Each structure stands twice: as structure tokens, then as C-alpha cells.
């Protein structure tokens, strides 16, 4: 089974008012939020900054433990800005999508067995009978169903704020990063809705 993905929002300057803070979202392979994955996220942002892939004025005050926030799982918090809530939702959605696609990939060898049983047009071959009787087969099919249901339920419960993240950081073909303030994005979204 592949590792999960842990995502962090690293805030640029905590001295700015919450409504004008900017940051970088970092996604890493890992099982959970830990001091090790936080340090890896900080190292990645430093590396991007040193390679001039982030604006030079970013992180002028450095990155501290207070600068980094795990956003892998959405947590209800009334103090979050829409863009922060969107980052949490997007990170969780990405994790669910990875889990579902991995489950579907793991189930691909079962297609002929499932199709034969559902269509009921032919008996199962000896190999297919062995696969159908294996306990792992049932677990694999249940994993496909549960990840699909979880992904569907989460998509239906999303606030719509995850789309704000796309407007904040847009990568072009060369992988350049465009940095926009959350205020600009929120104002742009508000203008688009009023049209």
C-alpha cells in the first residue's frame, strides 16, 4: 500500500494581518503530520526560495514552527479565511482521490471475474474461481467502494473555497509559480459571482 500525502500551508509573514497573509502549500508523501514531515516541508520551501522559484521578498522573517499548519485533514475552525479552508479541503480531496485511484488500480485484475459474475453469461474459469474465493478479493472490492463513497461524500460537502487555491498559486508549463494575495483572489471571486 502506498503512503498517504501530508499537506502543509506555510505562512509567509505572521506579522501581517490574517486577511493579507500569503503562503505556500507543500504536499509530501507521509503517513501523518510529524516533526519529520514538517521539517521536510520547511526544507522544500527553503529550497524553492533559494532556487528563485518564490519571490525574493518571501519569508524575509524566516520560517518558524508557528509558520506551518498541517492541512491534510479539514478541521472546522470559524477563524479560517476562505482560502485557508479551501487549502484544507483541497488537500483532503487530493488524499481521497489518491486513495480511490490506488484502490481501483489494485482491483484491475478483478475486472474479468466481476464482469463474468455480473453478466452471468458464462461460468468462472478455475483461475477466476480461485480469485473469487480469495478473502483479499472481497477486501479489495470493499476498498474500491468505500474510497468511492468517501470521495463522493466529501465532494458534496465541500464549501467551494478550494477553487480559491487555484487562483492563488498557478503553475504554468515551465512550473513557474504565480503568487497573488488572498485578498485579490477573494475580491476576484466576489466580482465573478456578482456578474
N, C-alpha and C. Protein backbone atom coordinates (compact mmCIF):
# COMPACT_ATOMS: atom_id res chain seq x y z
N UNK A 1 0.85 -1.19 0.00
CA UNK A 1 0.00 0.00 0.00
C UNK A 1 0.88 1.23 0.00
N UNK A 2 0.54 2.22 -0.80
CA UNK A 2 1.36 3.42 -0.88
C UNK A 2 1.11 4.32 0.32
N UNK A 3 2.11 5.17 0.58
CA UNK A 3 1.98 6.12 1.67
C UNK A 3 0.92 7.15 1.34
N UNK A 4 0.41 7.79 2.39
CA UNK A 4 -0.52 8.88 2.18
C UNK A 4 0.21 10.16 1.83
N UNK A 5 -0.52 11.23 1.76
CA UNK A 5 0.06 12.52 1.46
C UNK A 5 -0.28 13.46 2.60
N UNK A 6 0.74 14.16 3.08
CA UNK A 6 0.56 15.15 4.14
C UNK A 6 0.79 16.51 3.51
N UNK A 7 -0.13 17.44 3.75
CA UNK A 7 -0.02 18.77 3.17
C UNK A 7 0.09 19.83 4.25
N UNK A 8 0.85 20.87 3.92
CA UNK A 8 1.07 21.96 4.86
C UNK A 8 0.86 23.30 4.17
N UNK A 9 0.32 24.23 4.91
CA UNK A 9 0.28 25.63 4.49
C UNK A 9 1.36 26.33 5.29
N UNK A 10 2.36 26.90 4.60
CA UNK A 10 3.44 27.61 5.27
C UNK A 10 3.22 29.09 5.04
N UNK A 11 2.92 29.81 6.12
CA UNK A 11 2.57 31.22 6.05
C UNK A 11 3.85 32.04 5.94
N UNK A 12 3.83 33.02 5.02
CA UNK A 12 4.99 33.84 4.74
C UNK A 12 5.38 34.74 5.91
N UNK A 13 4.48 35.57 6.35
CA UNK A 13 4.81 36.56 7.37
C UNK A 13 3.67 36.63 8.39
N UNK A 14 3.91 36.08 9.56
CA UNK A 14 2.88 36.05 10.60
C UNK A 14 2.61 37.42 11.20
N UNK A 15 3.48 38.40 10.94
CA UNK A 15 3.27 39.75 11.47
C UNK A 15 2.20 40.50 10.68
N UNK A 16 1.90 40.04 9.47
CA UNK A 16 0.84 40.68 8.68
C UNK A 16 -0.52 40.32 9.27
N UNK A 17 -1.52 41.18 9.05
CA UNK A 17 -2.87 40.82 9.50
C UNK A 17 -3.35 39.55 8.78
N UNK A 18 -4.16 38.74 9.43
CA UNK A 18 -4.59 37.47 8.82
C UNK A 18 -5.16 37.62 7.41
N UNK A 19 -5.89 38.69 7.14
CA UNK A 19 -6.51 38.85 5.83
C UNK A 19 -5.54 39.12 4.70
N UNK A 20 -4.29 39.49 4.99
CA UNK A 20 -3.34 39.79 3.93
C UNK A 20 -2.13 38.85 3.94
N UNK A 21 -2.21 37.78 4.69
CA UNK A 21 -1.11 36.82 4.72
C UNK A 21 -1.07 36.01 3.43
N UNK A 22 0.12 35.64 3.05
CA UNK A 22 0.34 34.78 1.90
C UNK A 22 1.12 33.56 2.36
N UNK A 23 1.16 32.55 1.54
CA UNK A 23 1.89 31.36 1.93
C UNK A 23 2.08 30.42 0.77
N UNK A 24 2.58 29.25 1.08
CA UNK A 24 2.87 28.23 0.09
C UNK A 24 2.28 26.92 0.59
N UNK A 25 1.63 26.19 -0.29
CA UNK A 25 1.12 24.87 0.07
C UNK A 25 2.14 23.84 -0.39
N UNK A 26 2.52 22.94 0.51
CA UNK A 26 3.51 21.92 0.23
C UNK A 26 2.87 20.56 0.50
N UNK A 27 3.03 19.63 -0.45
CA UNK A 27 2.49 18.28 -0.29
C UNK A 27 3.64 17.29 -0.29
N UNK A 28 3.66 16.40 0.70
CA UNK A 28 4.73 15.41 0.84
C UNK A 28 4.13 14.03 1.05
N UNK A 29 4.86 13.00 0.63
CA UNK A 29 4.44 11.64 0.96
C UNK A 29 4.74 11.40 2.42
N UNK A 30 3.78 10.86 3.14
CA UNK A 30 3.95 10.56 4.55
C UNK A 30 2.69 9.96 5.11
N UNK A 31 2.80 9.30 6.23
CA UNK A 31 1.64 8.66 6.84
C UNK A 31 0.82 9.65 7.66
N UNK A 32 1.52 10.64 8.28
CA UNK A 32 0.81 11.58 9.14
C UNK A 32 1.68 12.81 9.36
N UNK A 33 1.06 13.82 9.93
CA UNK A 33 1.78 15.02 10.33
C UNK A 33 2.75 14.64 11.45
N UNK A 34 4.02 15.02 11.30
CA UNK A 34 5.02 14.70 12.31
C UNK A 34 6.13 15.76 12.24
N UNK A 35 6.97 15.85 13.27
CA UNK A 35 8.08 16.80 13.21
C UNK A 35 8.97 16.56 11.99
N UNK A 36 9.12 15.30 11.60
CA UNK A 36 9.96 14.96 10.44
C UNK A 36 9.36 15.49 9.14
N UNK A 37 8.03 15.28 8.95
CA UNK A 37 7.42 15.78 7.71
C UNK A 37 7.34 17.30 7.71
N UNK A 38 7.15 17.92 8.87
CA UNK A 38 7.16 19.39 8.95
C UNK A 38 8.52 19.94 8.55
N UNK A 39 9.58 19.30 9.03
CA UNK A 39 10.93 19.75 8.69
C UNK A 39 11.19 19.57 7.18
N UNK A 40 10.70 18.47 6.61
CA UNK A 40 10.85 18.24 5.17
C UNK A 40 10.10 19.31 4.38
N UNK A 41 8.92 19.71 4.85
CA UNK A 41 8.15 20.76 4.17
C UNK A 41 8.89 22.09 4.22
N UNK A 42 9.44 22.41 5.38
CA UNK A 42 10.20 23.66 5.53
C UNK A 42 11.43 23.63 4.63
N UNK A 43 12.13 22.49 4.59
CA UNK A 43 13.32 22.37 3.73
C UNK A 43 12.95 22.56 2.27
N UNK A 44 11.80 22.01 1.85
CA UNK A 44 11.37 22.16 0.46
C UNK A 44 11.10 23.63 0.12
N UNK A 45 10.42 24.34 1.01
CA UNK A 45 10.14 25.76 0.76
C UNK A 45 11.44 26.55 0.71
N UNK A 46 12.36 26.26 1.61
CA UNK A 46 13.68 26.95 1.57
C UNK A 46 14.38 26.68 0.25
N UNK A 47 14.33 25.43 -0.20
CA UNK A 47 14.96 25.06 -1.47
C UNK A 47 14.33 25.83 -2.64
N UNK A 48 13.00 25.88 -2.67
CA UNK A 48 12.32 26.64 -3.72
C UNK A 48 12.70 28.11 -3.69
N UNK A 49 12.81 28.66 -2.49
CA UNK A 49 13.16 30.07 -2.33
C UNK A 49 14.59 30.30 -2.82
N UNK A 50 15.52 29.40 -2.46
CA UNK A 50 16.92 29.54 -2.89
C UNK A 50 17.06 29.41 -4.40
N UNK A 51 16.18 28.65 -5.03
CA UNK A 51 16.22 28.49 -6.49
C UNK A 51 15.44 29.59 -7.21
N UNK A 52 15.01 30.62 -6.46
CA UNK A 52 14.25 31.75 -7.02
C UNK A 52 12.93 31.32 -7.63
N UNK A 53 12.33 30.26 -7.12
CA UNK A 53 11.02 29.84 -7.60
C UNK A 53 9.92 30.49 -6.77
N UNK A 54 10.31 31.21 -5.73
CA UNK A 54 9.39 32.02 -4.93
C UNK A 54 9.93 33.44 -4.94
N UNK A 55 9.06 34.43 -4.81
CA UNK A 55 9.54 35.82 -4.81
C UNK A 55 10.60 36.04 -3.72
N UNK A 56 11.62 36.84 -4.04
CA UNK A 56 12.74 37.07 -3.13
C UNK A 56 12.30 37.65 -1.79
N UNK A 57 11.23 38.46 -1.80
CA UNK A 57 10.79 39.09 -0.55
C UNK A 57 10.04 38.12 0.37
N UNK A 58 9.74 36.94 -0.11
CA UNK A 58 9.03 35.97 0.70
C UNK A 58 9.91 35.45 1.83
N UNK A 59 9.30 35.12 2.95
CA UNK A 59 9.94 34.51 4.10
C UNK A 59 11.14 35.31 4.60
N UNK A 60 11.04 36.65 4.50
CA UNK A 60 12.12 37.53 4.95
C UNK A 60 12.35 37.37 6.46
N UNK A 61 11.31 37.02 7.19
CA UNK A 61 11.44 36.83 8.64
C UNK A 61 11.73 35.38 9.00
N UNK A 62 12.02 34.57 8.00
CA UNK A 62 12.30 33.16 8.25
C UNK A 62 11.04 32.33 8.39
N UNK A 63 11.22 31.06 8.63
CA UNK A 63 10.10 30.14 8.83
C UNK A 63 10.26 29.54 10.22
N UNK A 64 9.22 29.63 11.00
CA UNK A 64 9.24 29.08 12.36
C UNK A 64 8.18 28.00 12.48
N UNK A 65 8.14 27.34 13.61
CA UNK A 65 7.10 26.33 13.85
C UNK A 65 5.70 26.93 13.75
N UNK A 66 5.56 28.21 14.11
CA UNK A 66 4.25 28.87 14.04
C UNK A 66 3.84 29.14 12.60
N UNK A 67 4.80 29.11 11.67
CA UNK A 67 4.52 29.42 10.26
C UNK A 67 3.85 28.28 9.52
N UNK A 68 3.92 27.09 10.07
CA UNK A 68 3.48 25.91 9.33
C UNK A 68 2.22 25.32 9.95
N UNK A 69 1.24 25.01 9.08
CA UNK A 69 -0.02 24.46 9.53
C UNK A 69 -0.36 23.24 8.69
N UNK A 70 -0.57 22.11 9.33
CA UNK A 70 -0.97 20.91 8.60
C UNK A 70 -2.38 21.09 8.09
N UNK A 71 -2.59 20.80 6.81
CA UNK A 71 -3.92 20.96 6.22
C UNK A 71 -4.39 19.69 5.53
N UNK A 72 -3.85 18.54 5.94
CA UNK A 72 -4.23 17.28 5.31
C UNK A 72 -5.67 16.89 5.61
N UNK A 73 -6.11 17.20 6.79
CA UNK A 73 -7.47 16.88 7.18
C UNK A 73 -8.22 18.17 7.46
N UNK A 74 -9.41 18.33 6.92
CA UNK A 74 -10.15 19.55 7.22
C UNK A 74 -10.60 19.55 8.67
N UNK A 75 -10.41 20.67 9.33
CA UNK A 75 -10.87 20.80 10.71
C UNK A 75 -11.76 22.03 10.79
N UNK A 76 -12.92 21.91 11.41
CA UNK A 76 -13.80 23.07 11.49
C UNK A 76 -13.15 24.16 12.35
N UNK A 77 -13.05 25.35 11.80
CA UNK A 77 -12.47 26.48 12.52
C UNK A 77 -13.09 27.74 11.95
N UNK A 78 -13.87 28.42 12.76
CA UNK A 78 -14.57 29.62 12.30
C UNK A 78 -13.61 30.75 11.99
N UNK A 79 -12.37 30.70 12.51
CA UNK A 79 -11.41 31.78 12.31
C UNK A 79 -10.66 31.67 10.98
N UNK A 80 -10.85 30.58 10.25
CA UNK A 80 -10.13 30.41 9.00
C UNK A 80 -10.69 31.32 7.92
N UNK A 81 -9.79 31.87 7.11
CA UNK A 81 -10.22 32.60 5.92
C UNK A 81 -10.70 31.59 4.89
N UNK A 82 -11.52 32.02 3.94
CA UNK A 82 -11.98 31.07 2.91
C UNK A 82 -10.83 30.35 2.21
N UNK A 83 -9.74 31.05 1.94
CA UNK A 83 -8.62 30.42 1.24
C UNK A 83 -7.95 29.36 2.11
N UNK A 84 -7.90 29.58 3.42
CA UNK A 84 -7.32 28.57 4.32
C UNK A 84 -8.23 27.34 4.38
N UNK A 85 -9.52 27.57 4.47
CA UNK A 85 -10.48 26.46 4.47
C UNK A 85 -10.37 25.72 3.13
N UNK A 86 -10.22 26.49 2.05
CA UNK A 86 -10.08 25.87 0.73
C UNK A 86 -8.83 25.01 0.63
N UNK A 87 -7.74 25.46 1.23
CA UNK A 87 -6.50 24.67 1.21
C UNK A 87 -6.69 23.36 1.96
N UNK A 88 -7.37 23.41 3.09
CA UNK A 88 -7.65 22.19 3.84
C UNK A 88 -8.51 21.23 3.02
N UNK A 89 -9.56 21.77 2.44
CA UNK A 89 -10.45 20.91 1.66
C UNK A 89 -9.74 20.31 0.45
N UNK A 90 -8.97 21.13 -0.25
CA UNK A 90 -8.27 20.65 -1.43
C UNK A 90 -7.27 19.56 -1.07
N UNK A 91 -6.53 19.75 0.01
CA UNK A 91 -5.56 18.75 0.43
C UNK A 91 -6.25 17.43 0.78
N UNK A 92 -7.36 17.52 1.49
CA UNK A 92 -8.09 16.30 1.85
C UNK A 92 -8.67 15.63 0.60
N UNK A 93 -9.19 16.44 -0.33
CA UNK A 93 -9.74 15.90 -1.57
C UNK A 93 -8.65 15.17 -2.37
N UNK A 94 -7.46 15.75 -2.43
CA UNK A 94 -6.35 15.10 -3.14
C UNK A 94 -6.01 13.76 -2.50
N UNK A 95 -5.98 13.72 -1.17
CA UNK A 95 -5.69 12.47 -0.48
C UNK A 95 -6.74 11.41 -0.78
N UNK A 96 -8.01 11.81 -0.77
CA UNK A 96 -9.09 10.87 -1.08
C UNK A 96 -9.00 10.38 -2.52
N UNK A 97 -8.66 11.27 -3.44
CA UNK A 97 -8.53 10.89 -4.85
C UNK A 97 -7.40 9.88 -5.03
N UNK A 98 -6.26 10.11 -4.36
CA UNK A 98 -5.13 9.18 -4.44
C UNK A 98 -5.54 7.81 -3.90
N UNK A 99 -6.21 7.79 -2.75
CA UNK A 99 -6.65 6.51 -2.16
C UNK A 99 -7.60 5.76 -3.07
N UNK A 100 -8.55 6.51 -3.68
CA UNK A 100 -9.52 5.86 -4.56
C UNK A 100 -8.84 5.31 -5.82
N UNK A 101 -7.98 6.10 -6.43
CA UNK A 101 -7.32 5.62 -7.64
C UNK A 101 -6.41 4.44 -7.35
N UNK A 102 -5.75 4.44 -6.20
CA UNK A 102 -4.90 3.30 -5.83
C UNK A 102 -5.76 2.05 -5.63
N UNK A 103 -6.93 2.21 -4.99
CA UNK A 103 -7.83 1.07 -4.79
C UNK A 103 -8.31 0.52 -6.13
N UNK A 104 -8.65 1.41 -7.07
CA UNK A 104 -9.10 0.97 -8.39
C UNK A 104 -7.97 0.26 -9.14
N UNK A 105 -6.76 0.78 -9.01
CA UNK A 105 -5.60 0.15 -9.65
C UNK A 105 -5.39 -1.26 -9.09
N UNK A 106 -5.50 -1.39 -7.76
CA UNK A 106 -5.34 -2.69 -7.13
C UNK A 106 -6.42 -3.67 -7.55
N UNK A 107 -7.60 -3.16 -7.94
CA UNK A 107 -8.73 -4.02 -8.31
C UNK A 107 -8.76 -4.38 -9.80
N UNK A 108 -7.90 -3.80 -10.61
CA UNK A 108 -7.93 -4.07 -12.06
C UNK A 108 -7.87 -5.56 -12.42
N UNK A 109 -7.07 -6.36 -11.73
CA UNK A 109 -7.05 -7.79 -12.07
C UNK A 109 -8.38 -8.50 -11.84
N UNK A 110 -9.29 -7.87 -11.15
CA UNK A 110 -10.58 -8.49 -10.83
C UNK A 110 -11.66 -8.21 -11.87
N UNK A 111 -11.36 -7.39 -12.86
CA UNK A 111 -12.39 -6.96 -13.82
C UNK A 111 -13.07 -8.14 -14.50
N UNK A 112 -12.30 -9.09 -15.00
CA UNK A 112 -12.93 -10.20 -15.73
C UNK A 112 -13.80 -11.05 -14.80
N UNK A 113 -13.37 -11.24 -13.57
CA UNK A 113 -14.16 -12.02 -12.61
C UNK A 113 -15.47 -11.32 -12.29
N UNK A 114 -15.38 -10.03 -11.97
CA UNK A 114 -16.58 -9.26 -11.63
C UNK A 114 -17.53 -9.18 -12.82
N UNK A 115 -16.96 -8.94 -13.99
CA UNK A 115 -17.79 -8.85 -15.20
C UNK A 115 -18.51 -10.17 -15.47
N UNK A 116 -17.80 -11.28 -15.33
CA UNK A 116 -18.42 -12.60 -15.57
C UNK A 116 -19.55 -12.86 -14.58
N UNK A 117 -19.36 -12.49 -13.33
CA UNK A 117 -20.38 -12.73 -12.31
C UNK A 117 -21.59 -11.82 -12.55
N UNK A 118 -21.35 -10.55 -12.87
CA UNK A 118 -22.45 -9.61 -13.07
C UNK A 118 -23.26 -9.94 -14.33
N UNK A 119 -22.58 -10.33 -15.40
CA UNK A 119 -23.29 -10.62 -16.66
C UNK A 119 -23.95 -11.99 -16.64
N UNK A 120 -23.43 -12.91 -15.84
CA UNK A 120 -24.00 -14.26 -15.68
C UNK A 120 -24.20 -14.96 -17.03
N UNK A 121 -23.22 -14.81 -17.92
CA UNK A 121 -23.32 -15.43 -19.25
C UNK A 121 -22.40 -16.63 -19.40
N UNK A 122 -21.47 -16.77 -18.45
CA UNK A 122 -20.54 -17.90 -18.53
C UNK A 122 -20.09 -18.26 -17.13
N UNK A 123 -19.68 -19.50 -16.94
CA UNK A 123 -19.14 -19.88 -15.63
C UNK A 123 -17.72 -19.33 -15.46
N UNK A 124 -17.30 -19.23 -14.23
CA UNK A 124 -15.94 -18.75 -13.96
C UNK A 124 -14.94 -19.86 -14.29
N UNK A 125 -13.79 -19.44 -14.80
CA UNK A 125 -12.71 -20.40 -15.06
C UNK A 125 -12.12 -20.83 -13.72
N UNK A 126 -11.33 -21.90 -13.72
CA UNK A 126 -10.71 -22.33 -12.45
C UNK A 126 -9.86 -21.21 -11.81
N UNK A 127 -9.15 -20.46 -12.63
CA UNK A 127 -8.33 -19.35 -12.10
C UNK A 127 -9.23 -18.27 -11.50
N UNK A 128 -10.34 -17.98 -12.21
CA UNK A 128 -11.27 -16.96 -11.72
C UNK A 128 -11.97 -17.41 -10.44
N UNK A 129 -12.27 -18.71 -10.34
CA UNK A 129 -12.87 -19.25 -9.11
C UNK A 129 -11.94 -19.06 -7.92
N UNK A 130 -10.66 -19.29 -8.17
CA UNK A 130 -9.68 -19.11 -7.09
C UNK A 130 -9.62 -17.64 -6.65
N UNK A 131 -9.61 -16.73 -7.63
CA UNK A 131 -9.58 -15.29 -7.32
C UNK A 131 -10.85 -14.90 -6.57
N UNK A 132 -12.01 -15.37 -7.04
CA UNK A 132 -13.29 -15.02 -6.42
C UNK A 132 -13.38 -15.52 -4.98
N UNK A 133 -12.76 -16.67 -4.69
CA UNK A 133 -12.82 -17.23 -3.35
C UNK A 133 -11.79 -16.66 -2.39
N UNK A 134 -10.86 -15.89 -2.90
CA UNK A 134 -9.80 -15.32 -2.05
C UNK A 134 -10.37 -14.19 -1.18
N UNK A 135 -10.03 -14.19 0.11
CA UNK A 135 -10.52 -13.14 1.02
C UNK A 135 -10.01 -11.75 0.61
N UNK A 136 -8.85 -11.72 0.00
CA UNK A 136 -8.30 -10.42 -0.44
C UNK A 136 -9.18 -9.77 -1.50
N UNK A 137 -9.85 -10.60 -2.29
CA UNK A 137 -10.73 -10.06 -3.34
C UNK A 137 -11.86 -9.25 -2.73
N UNK A 138 -12.50 -9.78 -1.71
CA UNK A 138 -13.59 -9.06 -1.06
C UNK A 138 -13.09 -7.76 -0.44
N UNK A 139 -11.92 -7.82 0.20
CA UNK A 139 -11.36 -6.62 0.81
C UNK A 139 -11.04 -5.56 -0.24
N UNK A 140 -10.50 -6.01 -1.37
CA UNK A 140 -10.16 -5.08 -2.45
C UNK A 140 -11.41 -4.40 -2.99
N UNK A 141 -12.47 -5.18 -3.21
CA UNK A 141 -13.72 -4.60 -3.72
C UNK A 141 -14.35 -3.65 -2.71
N UNK A 142 -14.29 -4.01 -1.44
CA UNK A 142 -14.82 -3.13 -0.39
C UNK A 142 -14.02 -1.83 -0.33
N UNK A 143 -12.71 -1.92 -0.54
CA UNK A 143 -11.87 -0.72 -0.53
C UNK A 143 -12.25 0.20 -1.68
N UNK A 144 -12.50 -0.36 -2.86
CA UNK A 144 -12.93 0.45 -4.01
C UNK A 144 -14.24 1.16 -3.68
N UNK A 145 -15.19 0.42 -3.13
CA UNK A 145 -16.49 1.01 -2.80
C UNK A 145 -16.38 2.07 -1.73
N UNK A 146 -15.63 1.79 -0.66
CA UNK A 146 -15.55 2.76 0.44
C UNK A 146 -14.80 4.02 0.04
N UNK A 147 -13.72 3.89 -0.74
CA UNK A 147 -12.99 5.09 -1.17
C UNK A 147 -13.84 5.92 -2.13
N UNK A 148 -14.62 5.25 -2.98
CA UNK A 148 -15.52 5.96 -3.90
C UNK A 148 -16.59 6.72 -3.12
N UNK A 149 -17.18 6.05 -2.14
CA UNK A 149 -18.23 6.69 -1.33
C UNK A 149 -17.68 7.86 -0.53
N UNK A 150 -16.50 7.67 0.05
CA UNK A 150 -15.89 8.74 0.84
C UNK A 150 -15.55 9.95 -0.03
N UNK A 151 -15.02 9.68 -1.21
CA UNK A 151 -14.69 10.76 -2.15
C UNK A 151 -15.96 11.51 -2.58
N UNK A 152 -17.01 10.77 -2.89
CA UNK A 152 -18.28 11.38 -3.30
C UNK A 152 -18.88 12.22 -2.18
N UNK A 153 -18.94 11.66 -0.97
CA UNK A 153 -19.49 12.40 0.16
C UNK A 153 -18.70 13.68 0.43
N UNK A 154 -17.37 13.59 0.36
CA UNK A 154 -16.56 14.78 0.66
C UNK A 154 -16.76 15.84 -0.42
N UNK A 155 -16.79 15.44 -1.69
CA UNK A 155 -17.03 16.41 -2.77
C UNK A 155 -18.35 17.15 -2.55
N UNK A 156 -19.38 16.41 -2.15
CA UNK A 156 -20.70 17.02 -1.93
C UNK A 156 -20.72 17.97 -0.74
N UNK A 157 -19.81 17.77 0.22
CA UNK A 157 -19.80 18.60 1.42
C UNK A 157 -18.87 19.81 1.32
N UNK A 158 -18.12 19.91 0.23
CA UNK A 158 -17.12 20.98 0.10
C UNK A 158 -17.79 22.35 -0.01
N UNK A 159 -17.10 23.35 0.51
CA UNK A 159 -17.62 24.72 0.53
C UNK A 159 -17.47 25.44 -0.80
N UNK A 160 -16.59 24.96 -1.66
CA UNK A 160 -16.30 25.67 -2.91
C UNK A 160 -15.08 26.56 -2.79
N UNK A 161 -14.55 26.72 -1.58
CA UNK A 161 -13.40 27.58 -1.37
C UNK A 161 -12.10 27.00 -1.92
N UNK A 162 -12.08 25.70 -2.21
CA UNK A 162 -10.86 25.09 -2.74
C UNK A 162 -10.47 25.71 -4.08
N UNK A 163 -11.45 26.23 -4.81
CA UNK A 163 -11.14 26.86 -6.10
C UNK A 163 -10.31 28.12 -5.93
N UNK A 164 -10.38 28.74 -4.74
CA UNK A 164 -9.57 29.93 -4.49
C UNK A 164 -8.08 29.60 -4.54
N UNK A 165 -7.72 28.39 -4.16
CA UNK A 165 -6.31 28.00 -4.14
C UNK A 165 -5.73 28.03 -5.55
N UNK A 166 -6.53 27.63 -6.53
CA UNK A 166 -6.05 27.65 -7.92
C UNK A 166 -5.72 29.07 -8.37
N UNK A 167 -6.45 30.03 -7.85
CA UNK A 167 -6.19 31.41 -8.24
C UNK A 167 -5.01 32.03 -7.50
N UNK A 168 -4.62 31.45 -6.39
CA UNK A 168 -3.51 31.98 -5.63
C UNK A 168 -2.18 31.49 -6.20
N UNK A 169 -2.09 30.22 -6.43
CA UNK A 169 -0.85 29.65 -6.97
C UNK A 169 -1.20 28.92 -8.26
N UNK A 170 -0.77 29.49 -9.37
CA UNK A 170 -1.00 28.88 -10.68
C UNK A 170 0.35 28.56 -11.30
N UNK A 171 0.57 27.29 -11.61
CA UNK A 171 1.83 26.90 -12.25
C UNK A 171 1.61 26.83 -13.75
N UNK A 172 2.55 27.40 -14.50
CA UNK A 172 2.43 27.28 -15.96
C UNK A 172 3.23 26.05 -16.41
N UNK A 173 3.38 25.90 -17.70
CA UNK A 173 4.01 24.69 -18.24
C UNK A 173 5.44 24.52 -17.72
N UNK A 174 6.17 25.64 -17.54
CA UNK A 174 7.54 25.56 -17.07
C UNK A 174 7.61 25.35 -15.56
N UNK A 175 6.48 25.37 -14.86
CA UNK A 175 6.49 25.17 -13.43
C UNK A 175 6.69 26.45 -12.65
N UNK A 176 6.54 27.60 -13.32
CA UNK A 176 6.66 28.86 -12.61
C UNK A 176 5.48 29.02 -11.67
N UNK A 177 5.67 29.75 -10.60
CA UNK A 177 4.62 29.94 -9.61
C UNK A 177 4.20 31.39 -9.61
N UNK A 178 2.91 31.63 -9.68
CA UNK A 178 2.39 32.98 -9.59
C UNK A 178 1.82 33.15 -8.19
N UNK A 179 2.25 34.19 -7.51
CA UNK A 179 1.80 34.42 -6.15
C UNK A 179 0.89 35.64 -6.13
N UNK A 180 -0.31 35.45 -5.58
CA UNK A 180 -1.31 36.51 -5.52
C UNK A 180 -1.79 36.58 -4.08
N UNK A 181 -2.16 37.74 -3.61
CA UNK A 181 -2.63 37.85 -2.23
C UNK A 181 -4.02 37.23 -2.11
N UNK A 182 -4.34 36.66 -0.95
CA UNK A 182 -5.69 36.10 -0.76
C UNK A 182 -6.77 37.15 -0.96
N UNK A 183 -6.49 38.40 -0.60
CA UNK A 183 -7.47 39.47 -0.76
C UNK A 183 -7.83 39.65 -2.23
N UNK A 184 -6.80 39.67 -3.10
CA UNK A 184 -7.05 39.81 -4.54
C UNK A 184 -7.90 38.67 -5.06
N UNK A 185 -7.60 37.48 -4.61
CA UNK A 185 -8.35 36.31 -5.07
C UNK A 185 -9.79 36.38 -4.59
N UNK A 186 -9.97 36.71 -3.32
CA UNK A 186 -11.32 36.78 -2.76
C UNK A 186 -12.13 37.87 -3.46
N UNK A 187 -11.50 39.01 -3.70
CA UNK A 187 -12.21 40.08 -4.41
C UNK A 187 -12.55 39.65 -5.84
N UNK A 188 -11.64 38.96 -6.49
CA UNK A 188 -11.90 38.48 -7.83
C UNK A 188 -13.05 37.49 -7.87
N UNK A 189 -13.10 36.61 -6.86
CA UNK A 189 -14.20 35.63 -6.78
C UNK A 189 -15.52 36.33 -6.53
N UNK A 190 -15.49 37.36 -5.68
CA UNK A 190 -16.71 38.09 -5.38
C UNK A 190 -17.21 38.82 -6.62
N UNK A 191 -16.28 39.41 -7.39
CA UNK A 191 -16.68 40.11 -8.62
C UNK A 191 -17.27 39.13 -9.64
N UNK A 192 -16.64 37.94 -9.74
CA UNK A 192 -17.13 36.96 -10.71
C UNK A 192 -18.54 36.51 -10.34
N UNK A 193 -18.83 36.36 -9.05
CA UNK A 193 -20.15 35.89 -8.62
C UNK A 193 -21.21 36.96 -8.87
N UNK A 194 -20.81 38.23 -8.79
CA UNK A 194 -21.82 39.30 -8.93
C UNK A 194 -22.20 39.56 -10.38
N UNK A 195 -21.44 38.97 -11.33
CA UNK A 195 -21.77 39.19 -12.75
C UNK A 195 -22.98 38.40 -13.17
